[in-house]
Amino acid sequence: MRIAHRGEKRFISLPVKVFLGKWNGDKRRVTGTHPDAGEINAFLSDLERAAFSVISRLERAETPTAAQRITGETQGRA
């Protein structure tokens, strides 16, 4: 998972691997033909929600928001 914020990028290694033919890059989700698509896509949605939650919380607190901090806090919540 790539987290980019204000031109800074960080990556989170995920415990899931999917063949390129089973990945929809436009939707950033596993295709329905993958046997575990529902479970993997739910995991990705939860992780994405956690990242956005961290960003919102940091911005509301007017805390400096860097991609590295977002990545660290997202990994701690996932």
N, C-alpha and C. Protein backbone atom coordinates (compact mmCIF):
# COMPACT_ATOMS: atom_id res chain seq x y z
N MET A 1 0.86 -1.17 0.00
CA MET A 1 0.00 0.00 0.00
C MET A 1 0.90 1.22 0.00
N ARG A 2 0.59 2.16 -0.88
CA ARG A 2 1.37 3.39 -0.95
C ARG A 2 0.57 4.50 -0.29
N ILE A 3 1.24 5.24 0.59
CA ILE A 3 0.63 6.42 1.20
C ILE A 3 1.43 7.62 0.72
N ALA A 4 0.74 8.54 0.07
CA ALA A 4 1.39 9.76 -0.42
C ALA A 4 0.66 10.94 0.19
N HIS A 5 1.44 11.86 0.73
CA HIS A 5 0.84 13.04 1.36
C HIS A 5 1.80 14.20 1.16
N ARG A 6 1.31 15.23 0.51
CA ARG A 6 2.09 16.44 0.26
C ARG A 6 3.43 16.14 -0.39
N GLY A 7 3.41 15.27 -1.39
CA GLY A 7 4.59 14.97 -2.17
C GLY A 7 5.53 13.94 -1.55
N GLU A 8 5.24 13.49 -0.35
CA GLU A 8 6.06 12.49 0.33
C GLU A 8 5.36 11.13 0.22
N LYS A 9 6.12 10.07 -0.08
CA LYS A 9 5.53 8.74 -0.25
C LYS A 9 6.15 7.76 0.73
N ARG A 10 5.31 6.87 1.23
CA ARG A 10 5.74 5.77 2.08
C ARG A 10 4.95 4.54 1.66
N PHE A 11 5.51 3.37 1.96
CA PHE A 11 4.87 2.12 1.57
C PHE A 11 4.66 1.23 2.79
N ILE A 12 3.52 0.53 2.78
CA ILE A 12 3.22 -0.47 3.80
C ILE A 12 3.17 -1.81 3.09
N SER A 13 3.97 -2.75 3.55
CA SER A 13 3.96 -4.09 2.99
C SER A 13 2.72 -4.82 3.53
N LEU A 14 1.96 -5.41 2.64
CA LEU A 14 0.72 -6.09 3.04
C LEU A 14 0.93 -7.60 3.05
N PRO A 15 0.20 -8.32 3.87
CA PRO A 15 0.36 -9.77 3.96
C PRO A 15 -0.38 -10.53 2.86
N VAL A 16 -0.71 -9.84 1.77
CA VAL A 16 -1.50 -10.44 0.69
C VAL A 16 -0.76 -10.25 -0.62
N LYS A 17 -0.72 -11.29 -1.42
CA LYS A 17 -0.14 -11.19 -2.77
C LYS A 17 -1.20 -11.64 -3.76
N VAL A 18 -1.31 -10.90 -4.87
CA VAL A 18 -2.33 -11.19 -5.88
C VAL A 18 -1.66 -11.13 -7.25
N PHE A 19 -1.95 -12.10 -8.11
CA PHE A 19 -1.44 -12.05 -9.47
C PHE A 19 -2.00 -10.83 -10.19
N LEU A 20 -1.19 -10.25 -11.06
CA LEU A 20 -1.58 -9.04 -11.77
C LEU A 20 -2.91 -9.21 -12.51
N GLY A 21 -3.17 -10.37 -13.06
CA GLY A 21 -4.41 -10.63 -13.79
C GLY A 21 -5.65 -10.63 -12.90
N LYS A 22 -5.45 -10.72 -11.60
CA LYS A 22 -6.57 -10.70 -10.65
C LYS A 22 -6.69 -9.36 -9.94
N TRP A 23 -5.98 -8.35 -10.43
CA TRP A 23 -5.97 -7.03 -9.80
C TRP A 23 -6.59 -6.00 -10.75
N ASN A 24 -7.52 -5.19 -10.25
CA ASN A 24 -8.10 -4.10 -11.02
C ASN A 24 -7.43 -2.81 -10.55
N GLY A 25 -6.49 -2.32 -11.35
CA GLY A 25 -5.73 -1.14 -10.98
C GLY A 25 -6.57 0.12 -10.90
N ASP A 26 -7.61 0.23 -11.72
CA ASP A 26 -8.47 1.42 -11.68
C ASP A 26 -9.23 1.51 -10.35
N LYS A 27 -9.75 0.38 -9.90
CA LYS A 27 -10.52 0.36 -8.65
C LYS A 27 -9.63 0.09 -7.44
N ARG A 28 -8.39 -0.32 -7.69
CA ARG A 28 -7.44 -0.67 -6.63
C ARG A 28 -8.01 -1.76 -5.73
N ARG A 29 -8.58 -2.76 -6.38
CA ARG A 29 -9.17 -3.90 -5.67
C ARG A 29 -8.91 -5.18 -6.46
N VAL A 30 -9.06 -6.31 -5.78
CA VAL A 30 -8.94 -7.63 -6.39
C VAL A 30 -10.20 -7.87 -7.21
N THR A 31 -10.04 -8.50 -8.37
CA THR A 31 -11.20 -8.76 -9.22
C THR A 31 -12.08 -9.84 -8.60
N GLY A 32 -13.32 -9.86 -9.00
CA GLY A 32 -14.28 -10.83 -8.48
C GLY A 32 -13.96 -12.26 -8.83
N THR A 33 -13.06 -12.48 -9.79
CA THR A 33 -12.72 -13.84 -10.17
C THR A 33 -11.69 -14.46 -9.23
N HIS A 34 -11.12 -13.69 -8.33
CA HIS A 34 -10.17 -14.22 -7.35
C HIS A 34 -10.97 -14.94 -6.27
N PRO A 35 -10.55 -16.14 -5.87
CA PRO A 35 -11.35 -16.90 -4.90
C PRO A 35 -11.52 -16.21 -3.54
N ASP A 36 -10.59 -15.34 -3.16
CA ASP A 36 -10.67 -14.65 -1.88
C ASP A 36 -10.94 -13.15 -2.04
N ALA A 37 -11.55 -12.78 -3.15
CA ALA A 37 -11.75 -11.36 -3.46
C ALA A 37 -12.48 -10.61 -2.37
N GLY A 38 -13.56 -11.16 -1.86
CA GLY A 38 -14.34 -10.47 -0.84
C GLY A 38 -13.54 -10.20 0.42
N GLU A 39 -12.82 -11.20 0.88
CA GLU A 39 -12.02 -11.06 2.10
C GLU A 39 -10.87 -10.08 1.91
N ILE A 40 -10.17 -10.19 0.78
CA ILE A 40 -9.03 -9.30 0.52
C ILE A 40 -9.51 -7.87 0.34
N ASN A 41 -10.58 -7.67 -0.41
CA ASN A 41 -11.08 -6.32 -0.63
C ASN A 41 -11.60 -5.68 0.65
N ALA A 42 -12.18 -6.48 1.53
CA ALA A 42 -12.62 -5.96 2.84
C ALA A 42 -11.41 -5.53 3.66
N PHE A 43 -10.35 -6.32 3.62
CA PHE A 43 -9.11 -5.97 4.32
C PHE A 43 -8.54 -4.67 3.79
N LEU A 44 -8.51 -4.52 2.44
CA LEU A 44 -7.99 -3.29 1.83
C LEU A 44 -8.86 -2.09 2.20
N SER A 45 -10.16 -2.27 2.23
CA SER A 45 -11.07 -1.17 2.60
C SER A 45 -10.84 -0.74 4.05
N ASP A 46 -10.68 -1.72 4.94
CA ASP A 46 -10.42 -1.41 6.35
C ASP A 46 -9.11 -0.64 6.51
N LEU A 47 -8.08 -1.07 5.80
CA LEU A 47 -6.78 -0.42 5.88
C LEU A 47 -6.85 1.00 5.32
N GLU A 48 -7.55 1.16 4.22
CA GLU A 48 -7.73 2.48 3.62
C GLU A 48 -8.49 3.41 4.56
N ARG A 49 -9.54 2.89 5.18
CA ARG A 49 -10.32 3.67 6.14
C ARG A 49 -9.45 4.09 7.33
N ALA A 50 -8.60 3.18 7.80
CA ALA A 50 -7.71 3.49 8.92
C ALA A 50 -6.75 4.62 8.54
N ALA A 51 -6.21 4.58 7.33
CA ALA A 51 -5.28 5.62 6.89
C ALA A 51 -5.98 6.97 6.82
N PHE A 52 -7.18 7.01 6.25
CA PHE A 52 -7.92 8.27 6.16
C PHE A 52 -8.31 8.79 7.54
N SER A 53 -8.61 7.88 8.44
CA SER A 53 -8.94 8.26 9.81
C SER A 53 -7.75 8.92 10.50
N VAL A 54 -6.57 8.35 10.30
CA VAL A 54 -5.35 8.93 10.88
C VAL A 54 -5.12 10.33 10.32
N ILE A 55 -5.25 10.47 9.01
CA ILE A 55 -5.05 11.78 8.37
C ILE A 55 -6.03 12.80 8.94
N SER A 56 -7.30 12.43 9.03
CA SER A 56 -8.32 13.36 9.55
C SER A 56 -8.02 13.76 10.99
N ARG A 57 -7.67 12.79 11.82
CA ARG A 57 -7.38 13.07 13.22
C ARG A 57 -6.18 14.00 13.35
N LEU A 58 -5.13 13.77 12.59
CA LEU A 58 -3.94 14.61 12.66
C LEU A 58 -4.22 16.02 12.17
N GLU A 59 -5.01 16.13 11.11
CA GLU A 59 -5.34 17.46 10.59
C GLU A 59 -6.24 18.24 11.55
N ARG A 60 -7.19 17.56 12.19
CA ARG A 60 -8.06 18.24 13.17
C ARG A 60 -7.26 18.74 14.36
N ALA A 61 -6.24 17.98 14.75
CA ALA A 61 -5.40 18.36 15.89
C ALA A 61 -4.31 19.35 15.47
N GLU A 62 -4.33 19.70 14.18
CA GLU A 62 -3.32 20.60 13.62
C GLU A 62 -1.91 20.10 13.91
N THR A 63 -1.76 18.78 13.85
CA THR A 63 -0.46 18.13 14.03
C THR A 63 0.21 18.05 12.67
N PRO A 64 1.51 18.29 12.59
CA PRO A 64 2.19 18.12 11.30
C PRO A 64 1.92 16.72 10.75
N THR A 65 1.41 16.67 9.54
CA THR A 65 1.00 15.41 8.94
C THR A 65 2.00 15.03 7.86
N ALA A 66 2.82 14.04 8.14
CA ALA A 66 3.80 13.56 7.18
C ALA A 66 3.43 12.12 6.81
N ALA A 67 3.77 11.72 5.60
CA ALA A 67 3.44 10.37 5.14
C ALA A 67 4.04 9.31 6.06
N GLN A 68 5.22 9.57 6.59
CA GLN A 68 5.85 8.61 7.49
C GLN A 68 5.01 8.41 8.75
N ARG A 69 4.49 9.48 9.31
CA ARG A 69 3.66 9.37 10.52
C ARG A 69 2.34 8.67 10.20
N ILE A 70 1.74 9.01 9.07
CA ILE A 70 0.49 8.37 8.66
C ILE A 70 0.71 6.87 8.50
N THR A 71 1.81 6.50 7.85
CA THR A 71 2.12 5.08 7.64
C THR A 71 2.29 4.37 8.97
N GLY A 72 3.06 4.95 9.87
CA GLY A 72 3.28 4.32 11.17
C GLY A 72 2.00 4.13 11.96
N GLU A 73 1.18 5.15 11.99
CA GLU A 73 -0.06 5.06 12.77
C GLU A 73 -1.07 4.13 12.09
N THR A 74 -1.08 4.08 10.77
CA THR A 74 -1.99 3.18 10.07
C THR A 74 -1.59 1.73 10.35
N GLN A 75 -0.32 1.44 10.34
CA GLN A 75 0.13 0.08 10.61
C GLN A 75 -0.21 -0.33 12.05
N GLY A 76 -0.16 0.60 12.95
CA GLY A 76 -0.50 0.31 14.33
C GLY A 76 -1.96 0.03 14.54
N ARG A 77 -2.81 0.55 13.65
CA ARG A 77 -4.27 0.37 13.78
C ARG A 77 -4.79 -0.81 12.99
N ALA A 78 -4.02 -1.26 12.01
CA ALA A 78 -4.52 -2.35 11.13
C ALA A 78 -4.42 -3.70 11.80
